[in-house]
Amino acid sequence: MQGAQLRHQPPPAPGRKPVPRGASRMVAKEPMSARLPKANFGFLKALFWPVMLVAVGFGTYEGAQRLLPYADRPITKVAVQGDLSYISQQAVQQRIAPYVASSFFTIDLASMRTELEQMPWIAHAEVRRVWPDQVVIRLEEQLPVARWGDESLLNNQGQAFTPRELANYEHLPQLFGPQRAQQQVMQQYQVLSQMLRPLGFSIARLELRERGSWFLTTGAGSAGPGIELLLGRGNLVEKMRRFIAIYDKTLKEQITNIARIDLRYANGLAVGWREPVAPTTAQPAVAKN
């Protein structure tokens, strides 16, 4: 006879709860903090620094506006620096007087510099503030090297400027040429001067004419009276070298009798002689009673 078999289950150990079986098994509950959504602070962190910078900038601006009336003082001293030979500090002070009436922060340094460089003898000007109430001006004067035509002077860069008085600069060489050729004429003057100097010649006049021809006149000096050199167009250095070579061989002994030398030939030169000076007849002395 088959009957139901009963399985004997041992009793649970003391102190141990029986494990639920089947659908009645219990699942551990999650804590409330884990089930709630976490707050996202990334946006606040990204917004913090821009807001902080704006606040600092606004505070700095407001502080500067409040302190500006106390820091912006009137200009009380103007220092002029530089080796001045052709202009006086008094003339400089008078020229910038309208600008100095401003205060330390409102003075227009750029306009002051432009105003100074419009003075004929000033080649370059530097202007800067020095706390708390001073302006320092450093000036560089023009260096006159030659006269340009009859009304202007040329500096060593070939730039023309026109001072009020030219009477004191008649000892400078005189250069002529088209207005656009100032730098070109100055460069040729410097090159030719270096070539003629070892012979004892200096340049008294150098002219570039509209058609491109060059004419040079030397000054009277240790080499003798001035002579005129007709250089023509182009190849000025080669022509001058030819003149120097022939001068050392044949012309040096007769230079006092030469009025002009034409170097416009391809392989030689032509000499124009001075007219002999007629001797003056001595007048007999007449004794008067």
Protein backbone atom coordinates (compact mmCIF):
# COMPACT_ATOMS: atom_id res chain seq x y z
CA MET A 1 0.00 0.00 0.00
CA GLN A 2 1.41 3.14 -1.07
CA GLY A 3 0.84 5.97 1.13
CA ALA A 4 2.02 9.51 1.31
CA GLN A 5 5.58 9.78 2.41
CA LEU A 6 6.29 12.51 4.81
CA ARG A 7 9.68 14.05 4.80
CA HIS A 8 11.03 14.87 8.12
CA GLN A 9 12.47 18.33 8.29
CA PRO A 10 14.83 19.06 11.04
CA PRO A 11 13.84 21.90 13.28
CA PRO A 12 15.59 25.23 12.64
CA ALA A 13 18.67 25.91 14.61
CA PRO A 14 18.17 28.06 17.62
CA GLY A 15 18.55 31.80 16.95
CA ARG A 16 18.15 31.47 13.18
CA LYS A 17 15.07 32.61 11.36
CA PRO A 18 13.58 30.33 8.82
CA VAL A 19 14.15 31.34 5.19
CA PRO A 20 10.89 32.15 3.42
CA ARG A 21 10.18 29.97 0.46
CA GLY A 22 8.47 30.60 -2.81
CA ALA A 23 6.64 33.84 -3.48
CA SER A 24 6.75 34.77 0.11
CA ARG A 25 10.56 35.33 0.03
CA MET A 26 11.36 38.90 1.28
CA VAL A 27 13.68 41.31 -0.68
CA ALA A 28 15.82 43.87 1.17
CA LYS A 29 14.48 47.39 0.73
CA GLU A 30 16.72 50.20 -0.73
CA PRO A 31 17.31 53.22 1.50
CA MET A 32 15.24 56.31 0.76
CA SER A 33 18.33 58.40 -0.14
CA ALA A 34 19.27 55.95 -2.90
CA ARG A 35 15.81 56.02 -4.43
CA LEU A 36 15.59 59.85 -4.61
CA PRO A 37 17.22 61.63 -7.67
CA LYS A 38 20.59 63.24 -6.94
CA ALA A 39 20.93 67.03 -7.26
CA ASN A 40 23.10 68.26 -10.23
CA PHE A 41 25.45 71.09 -9.10
CA GLY A 42 27.51 71.23 -12.36
CA PHE A 43 25.49 74.16 -13.68
CA LEU A 44 26.05 76.15 -10.50
CA LYS A 45 29.78 75.48 -10.60
CA ALA A 46 30.00 76.63 -14.22
CA LEU A 47 28.07 79.80 -13.38
CA PHE A 48 30.08 80.66 -10.27
CA TRP A 49 33.30 81.98 -11.89
CA PRO A 50 31.67 84.24 -14.51
CA VAL A 51 29.50 85.78 -11.84
CA MET A 52 32.53 86.23 -9.60
CA LEU A 53 34.55 87.90 -12.38
CA VAL A 54 31.70 90.27 -13.19
CA ALA A 55 31.38 91.19 -9.53
CA VAL A 56 35.12 91.81 -9.15
CA GLY A 57 35.23 93.88 -12.35
CA PHE A 58 32.26 95.96 -11.29
CA GLY A 59 33.80 96.53 -7.87
CA THR A 60 37.12 97.55 -9.40
CA TYR A 61 35.41 99.97 -11.79
CA GLU A 62 33.40 101.56 -9.02
CA GLY A 63 36.49 101.88 -6.85
CA ALA A 64 38.48 103.46 -9.68
CA GLN A 65 35.70 105.95 -10.36
CA ARG A 66 35.67 106.99 -6.73
CA LEU A 67 39.47 107.26 -6.47
CA LEU A 68 40.06 108.92 -9.85
CA PRO A 69 39.39 112.49 -8.66
CA TYR A 70 42.05 112.03 -5.99
CA ALA A 71 44.64 110.35 -8.29
CA ASP A 72 44.18 112.49 -11.44
CA ARG A 73 46.37 115.47 -10.60
CA PRO A 74 47.23 118.49 -12.75
CA ILE A 75 50.53 118.37 -14.64
CA THR A 76 53.07 120.37 -12.63
CA LYS A 77 56.35 119.50 -14.36
CA VAL A 78 57.49 118.87 -17.93
CA ALA A 79 61.02 117.50 -18.38
CA VAL A 80 62.63 117.91 -21.83
CA GLN A 81 65.52 115.53 -22.53
CA GLY A 82 67.93 115.24 -25.46
CA ASP A 83 70.92 117.09 -26.88
CA LEU A 84 69.39 120.26 -28.31
CA SER A 85 71.59 122.38 -30.56
CA TYR A 86 69.13 124.05 -32.91
CA ILE A 87 66.03 124.54 -30.75
CA SER A 88 65.56 125.78 -27.20
CA GLN A 89 63.62 124.22 -24.35
CA GLN A 90 61.65 127.45 -24.11
CA ALA A 91 60.39 126.98 -27.69
CA VAL A 92 59.37 123.43 -26.85
CA GLN A 93 57.54 124.51 -23.68
CA GLN A 94 55.61 127.17 -25.59
CA ARG A 95 54.61 124.66 -28.29
CA ILE A 96 53.10 122.17 -25.83
CA ALA A 97 51.55 124.69 -23.42
CA PRO A 98 47.93 123.95 -24.49
CA TYR A 99 48.39 120.23 -23.76
CA VAL A 100 50.03 120.68 -20.36
CA ALA A 101 46.86 122.36 -19.06
CA SER A 102 45.25 118.90 -18.90
CA SER A 103 45.48 116.49 -15.97
CA PHE A 104 47.68 113.42 -15.58
CA PHE A 105 45.21 110.91 -17.06
CA THR A 106 43.49 113.18 -19.60
CA ILE A 107 46.56 114.65 -21.31
CA ASP A 108 46.70 113.64 -25.00
CA LEU A 109 50.21 112.27 -25.43
CA ALA A 110 49.73 111.23 -29.08
CA SER A 111 48.65 114.72 -30.15
CA MET A 112 51.49 116.27 -28.15
CA ARG A 113 54.00 114.07 -29.96
CA THR A 114 52.52 114.99 -33.35
CA GLU A 115 52.68 118.67 -32.46
CA LEU A 116 56.34 118.42 -31.48
CA GLU A 117 57.35 116.53 -34.63
CA GLN A 118 55.83 119.31 -36.73
CA MET A 119 58.58 121.62 -35.47
CA PRO A 120 61.21 121.86 -38.26
CA TRP A 121 64.23 120.83 -36.20
CA ILE A 122 62.63 117.85 -34.41
CA ALA A 123 63.11 114.51 -36.17
CA HIS A 124 61.56 112.28 -33.49
CA ALA A 125 59.77 112.80 -30.17
CA GLU A 126 58.87 110.42 -27.34
CA VAL A 127 56.33 111.47 -24.68
CA ARG A 128 55.40 109.53 -21.52
CA ARG A 129 53.75 110.07 -18.13
CA VAL A 130 55.62 109.78 -14.83
CA TRP A 131 53.50 109.38 -11.71
CA PRO A 132 52.04 111.39 -10.13
CA ASP A 133 52.12 114.71 -12.05
CA GLN A 134 54.99 114.75 -14.55
CA VAL A 135 55.45 114.43 -18.32
CA VAL A 136 58.84 113.47 -19.77
CA ILE A 137 59.69 114.42 -23.36
CA ARG A 138 62.71 113.04 -25.18
CA LEU A 139 63.64 114.80 -28.43
CA GLU A 140 65.90 113.86 -31.32
CA GLU A 141 66.96 116.76 -33.52
CA GLN A 142 67.44 116.79 -37.26
CA LEU A 143 71.01 116.27 -38.47
CA PRO A 144 71.51 118.61 -41.44
CA VAL A 145 73.83 117.10 -44.03
CA ALA A 146 73.16 119.22 -47.11
CA ARG A 147 71.02 121.96 -48.54
CA TRP A 148 68.14 120.97 -50.79
CA GLY A 149 67.72 123.61 -53.44
CA ASP A 150 67.57 127.15 -52.09
CA GLU A 151 64.94 126.81 -49.35
CA SER A 152 65.36 123.51 -47.47
CA LEU A 153 67.84 121.23 -45.77
CA LEU A 154 68.31 117.46 -46.00
CA ASN A 155 68.97 115.17 -43.05
CA ASN A 156 71.08 112.03 -43.23
CA GLN A 157 68.00 110.01 -44.30
CA GLY A 158 67.41 112.20 -47.33
CA GLN A 159 64.35 113.87 -45.80
CA ALA A 160 63.84 117.57 -46.41
CA PHE A 161 62.91 120.05 -43.70
CA THR A 162 62.63 123.81 -43.80
CA PRO A 163 63.89 125.87 -40.85
CA ARG A 164 63.26 129.59 -40.70
CA GLU A 165 66.86 130.65 -41.22
CA LEU A 166 69.18 129.15 -43.84
CA ALA A 167 71.90 131.77 -43.76
CA ASN A 168 73.95 129.79 -41.25
CA TYR A 169 74.11 126.68 -43.45
CA GLU A 170 75.70 128.00 -46.62
CA HIS A 171 78.80 125.92 -45.89
CA LEU A 172 76.82 122.71 -46.49
CA PRO A 173 76.86 121.13 -49.96
CA GLN A 174 73.93 122.01 -52.17
CA LEU A 175 71.89 119.24 -53.77
CA PHE A 176 69.31 119.63 -56.53
CA GLY A 177 66.82 117.30 -58.13
CA PRO A 178 63.14 116.48 -58.56
CA GLN A 179 61.15 116.54 -55.33
CA ARG A 180 60.56 112.79 -55.48
CA ALA A 181 64.32 112.09 -55.74
CA GLN A 182 65.52 113.49 -52.41
CA GLN A 183 66.67 110.16 -51.00
CA GLN A 184 68.24 109.10 -54.30
CA VAL A 185 70.31 112.29 -54.54
CA MET A 186 71.39 111.96 -50.90
CA GLN A 187 72.53 108.36 -51.44
CA GLN A 188 74.56 109.30 -54.50
CA TYR A 189 76.08 112.21 -52.60
CA GLN A 190 77.24 109.92 -49.79
CA VAL A 191 78.74 107.36 -52.20
CA LEU A 192 80.55 109.90 -54.36
CA SER A 193 81.82 111.82 -51.34
CA GLN A 194 83.53 108.70 -50.00
CA MET A 195 85.20 108.11 -53.37
CA LEU A 196 86.48 111.68 -53.76
CA ARG A 197 87.61 112.23 -50.18
CA PRO A 198 90.95 110.35 -50.51
CA LEU A 199 91.89 112.67 -53.40
CA GLY A 200 91.30 115.75 -51.24
CA PHE A 201 88.05 116.70 -52.99
CA SER A 202 84.72 117.55 -51.41
CA ILE A 203 81.35 117.96 -53.12
CA ALA A 204 80.04 121.50 -53.23
CA ARG A 205 77.12 120.82 -55.58
CA LEU A 206 75.37 117.72 -56.93
CA GLU A 207 72.46 117.96 -59.34
CA LEU A 208 70.11 115.40 -60.86
CA ARG A 209 68.25 116.90 -63.78
CA GLU A 210 64.83 115.86 -65.07
CA ARG A 211 66.28 113.79 -67.92
CA GLY A 212 68.43 111.77 -65.51
CA SER A 213 71.81 113.42 -66.04
CA TRP A 214 74.14 114.04 -63.08
CA PHE A 215 76.41 117.06 -62.62
CA LEU A 216 78.91 117.42 -59.79
CA THR A 217 81.03 120.36 -58.71
CA THR A 218 83.86 119.92 -56.25
CA GLY A 219 84.73 122.50 -53.64
CA ALA A 220 87.98 124.39 -53.54
CA GLY A 221 90.40 122.82 -51.11
CA SER A 222 93.77 121.18 -50.73
CA ALA A 223 93.44 119.53 -54.16
CA GLY A 224 93.00 122.87 -55.87
CA PRO A 225 90.11 124.99 -57.11
CA GLY A 226 86.72 123.45 -57.73
CA ILE A 227 86.11 121.56 -60.95
CA GLU A 228 82.93 120.40 -62.63
CA LEU A 229 82.36 116.72 -63.41
CA LEU A 230 79.79 115.84 -66.07
CA LEU A 231 78.65 112.31 -65.17
CA GLY A 232 75.70 111.80 -67.50
CA ARG A 233 73.20 108.97 -66.92
CA GLY A 234 73.88 105.78 -65.03
CA ASN A 235 77.04 103.93 -64.00
CA LEU A 236 78.16 106.78 -61.79
CA VAL A 237 80.49 104.63 -59.67
CA GLU A 238 82.29 103.20 -62.72
CA LYS A 239 82.75 106.67 -64.18
CA MET A 240 84.10 107.98 -60.91
CA ARG A 241 86.59 105.10 -60.70
CA ARG A 242 87.78 105.94 -64.20
CA PHE A 243 88.26 109.58 -63.21
CA ILE A 244 90.24 108.59 -60.09
CA ALA A 245 92.55 106.29 -62.08
CA ILE A 246 93.28 108.91 -64.76
CA TYR A 247 93.56 111.67 -62.16
CA ASP A 248 96.36 109.88 -60.32
CA LYS A 249 98.28 109.24 -63.55
CA THR A 250 97.97 112.42 -65.60
CA LEU A 251 95.57 115.03 -64.22
CA LYS A 252 96.87 115.58 -60.72
CA GLU A 253 99.76 117.80 -61.78
CA GLN A 254 97.53 120.01 -63.94
CA ILE A 255 94.41 120.16 -61.78
CA THR A 256 94.72 123.88 -61.18
CA ASN A 257 94.32 124.49 -64.92
CA ILE A 258 91.26 122.23 -65.36
CA ALA A 259 87.76 123.75 -65.30
CA ARG A 260 85.64 120.68 -66.14
CA ILE A 261 85.92 117.00 -66.96
CA ASP A 262 83.37 115.23 -69.15
CA LEU A 263 82.94 111.58 -68.11
CA ARG A 264 80.01 110.79 -70.39
CA TYR A 265 82.22 108.83 -72.78
CA ALA A 266 82.28 105.03 -72.77
CA ASN A 267 86.05 104.54 -72.41
CA GLY A 268 87.57 107.91 -71.66
CA LEU A 269 87.01 111.52 -70.69
CA ALA A 270 87.38 115.02 -72.07
CA VAL A 271 89.10 117.88 -70.24
CA GLY A 272 88.02 121.51 -70.40
CA TRP A 273 90.84 123.89 -69.49
CA ARG A 274 90.57 127.13 -67.66
CA GLU A 275 91.17 130.29 -69.62
CA PRO A 276 94.51 131.77 -68.74
CA VAL A 277 94.33 134.87 -66.64
CA ALA A 278 95.89 137.86 -68.38
CA PRO A 279 98.65 139.38 -66.27
CA THR A 280 97.82 142.78 -64.90
CA THR A 281 100.22 145.55 -65.93
CA ALA A 282 101.58 147.46 -63.04
CA GLN A 283 100.64 151.13 -63.06
CA PRO A 284 103.58 153.46 -62.43
CA ALA A 285 103.35 155.40 -59.28
CA VAL A 286 102.81 159.12 -59.74
CA ALA A 287 104.25 161.36 -57.16
CA LYS A 288 102.23 164.38 -56.25
CA ASN A 289 103.60 167.52 -54.83
